[in-house]
């Protein structure tokens, strides 16, 4: 990832985290943490990776609610991050945390 892409991704990640925390009032979203963001090379698409607490049903419901609030989040993002073209947002569950937990469990099993 280029330096500019990285800076924009970090700015979007921080702004989206603030918007979810301060602006959204949907309790069905649950406890959400924005873990990272990726921006395409042309800066027109951004994927926001999230960690949502709860079982898979609660995670799916939270992701669905955030996807439903995408335009609201994008509107507030435009007011916080000044870019020529505001990227389209896509939300995805961050699988890295699950992989880290699985590796930790394997290591604990190998070395009790």
Protein backbone atom coordinates (compact mmCIF):
# COMPACT_ATOMS: atom_id res chain seq x y z
CA UNK A 1 0.00 0.00 0.00
CA UNK A 2 1.36 3.40 -0.93
CA UNK A 3 2.01 6.06 1.68
CA UNK A 4 -0.95 8.19 0.55
CA UNK A 5 -3.30 5.22 0.57
CA UNK A 6 -2.15 4.36 4.08
CA UNK A 7 -2.72 7.89 5.38
CA UNK A 8 -6.19 8.08 3.85
CA UNK A 9 -7.07 4.60 5.14
CA UNK A 10 -5.99 5.59 8.67
CA UNK A 11 -7.97 8.83 8.51
CA UNK A 12 -11.07 6.98 7.31
CA UNK A 13 -10.65 4.30 9.99
CA UNK A 14 -10.42 6.88 12.77
CA UNK A 15 -13.33 8.95 11.45
CA UNK A 16 -15.63 5.94 10.96
CA UNK A 17 -14.82 4.72 14.47
CA UNK A 18 -15.80 8.12 15.88
CA UNK A 19 -18.99 8.24 13.80
CA UNK A 20 -20.08 4.77 14.95
CA UNK A 21 -19.33 5.68 18.55
CA UNK A 22 -20.82 9.18 18.63
CA UNK A 23 -23.41 9.49 15.86
CA UNK A 24 -25.10 6.09 15.50
CA UNK A 25 -27.79 5.33 18.04
CA UNK A 26 -28.85 1.83 16.96
CA UNK A 27 -28.48 -0.51 19.95
CA UNK A 28 -28.83 -3.58 17.71
CA UNK A 29 -25.42 -2.87 16.18
CA UNK A 30 -23.79 -4.01 19.40
CA UNK A 31 -20.24 -3.40 20.54
CA UNK A 32 -18.22 -2.63 17.41
CA UNK A 33 -14.51 -1.94 17.05
CA UNK A 34 -13.06 -0.66 13.80
CA UNK A 35 -9.82 -2.60 13.41
CA UNK A 36 -8.49 -1.40 10.05
CA UNK A 37 -9.38 0.06 6.68
CA UNK A 38 -8.15 -0.60 3.16
CA UNK A 39 -8.48 1.88 0.32
CA UNK A 40 -8.24 0.97 -3.35
CA UNK A 41 -5.44 2.44 -5.48
CA UNK A 42 -7.82 4.86 -7.20
CA UNK A 43 -9.15 5.92 -3.74
CA UNK A 44 -12.76 5.32 -4.84
CA UNK A 45 -13.49 2.27 -2.64
CA UNK A 46 -12.78 1.65 1.01
CA UNK A 47 -13.26 -1.53 3.01
CA UNK A 48 -13.75 -1.04 6.73
CA UNK A 49 -12.89 -4.10 8.81
CA UNK A 50 -14.81 -4.52 12.05
CA UNK A 51 -14.75 -6.65 15.14
CA UNK A 52 -18.23 -7.18 16.57
CA UNK A 53 -18.75 -8.77 19.97
CA UNK A 54 -21.20 -11.66 20.30
CA UNK A 55 -22.09 -14.86 18.55
CA UNK A 56 -22.29 -15.18 14.76
CA UNK A 57 -25.97 -14.19 14.72
CA UNK A 58 -25.27 -10.94 16.61
CA UNK A 59 -22.26 -10.25 14.40
CA UNK A 60 -24.31 -10.74 11.24
CA UNK A 61 -27.08 -8.47 12.60
CA UNK A 62 -24.55 -5.77 13.54
CA UNK A 63 -22.91 -5.94 10.11
CA UNK A 64 -26.33 -5.76 8.43
CA UNK A 65 -27.28 -2.69 10.51
CA UNK A 66 -23.99 -0.95 9.69
CA UNK A 67 -24.46 -1.73 6.02
CA UNK A 68 -27.93 -0.20 6.27
CA UNK A 69 -26.40 2.95 7.84
CA UNK A 70 -23.69 3.20 5.17
CA UNK A 71 -25.01 6.43 3.60
CA UNK A 72 -25.40 8.06 7.02
CA UNK A 73 -21.82 7.14 7.90
CA UNK A 74 -20.58 8.32 4.51
CA UNK A 75 -22.34 11.68 4.94
CA UNK A 76 -20.68 12.27 8.30
CA UNK A 77 -17.37 10.99 6.94
CA UNK A 78 -17.48 13.65 4.21
CA UNK A 79 -17.79 16.33 6.89
CA UNK A 80 -14.78 14.99 8.85
CA UNK A 81 -12.35 13.92 6.12
CA UNK A 82 -11.79 16.34 3.26
CA UNK A 83 -11.13 14.46 0.04
CA UNK A 84 -11.83 15.28 -3.59
CA UNK A 85 -13.69 12.00 -4.04
CA UNK A 86 -15.14 10.29 -1.01
CA UNK A 87 -14.75 6.52 -1.37
CA UNK A 88 -17.68 4.13 -1.39
CA UNK A 89 -17.74 2.24 1.89
CA UNK A 90 -17.96 -1.51 2.35
CA UNK A 91 -18.03 -3.17 5.76
CA UNK A 92 -16.49 -6.56 6.46
CA UNK A 93 -15.89 -8.65 9.54
CA UNK A 94 -12.21 -8.83 10.45
CA UNK A 95 -11.10 -12.46 10.33
CA UNK A 96 -7.59 -11.75 11.65
CA UNK A 97 -8.75 -11.78 15.27
CA UNK A 98 -10.31 -15.22 14.83
CA UNK A 99 -7.11 -16.50 13.24
CA UNK A 100 -5.02 -15.11 16.11
CA UNK A 101 -7.30 -16.82 18.64
CA UNK A 102 -7.11 -20.12 16.75
CA UNK A 103 -3.30 -19.96 16.62
CA UNK A 104 -3.18 -19.14 20.34
CA UNK A 105 -5.40 -22.13 21.11
CA UNK A 106 -3.16 -24.41 19.03
CA UNK A 107 -0.04 -23.14 20.79
CA UNK A 108 -1.68 -23.59 24.20
CA UNK A 109 -2.63 -27.14 23.27
CA UNK A 110 0.94 -27.94 22.13
CA UNK A 111 2.60 -26.36 25.15
CA UNK A 112 0.34 -26.81 28.22
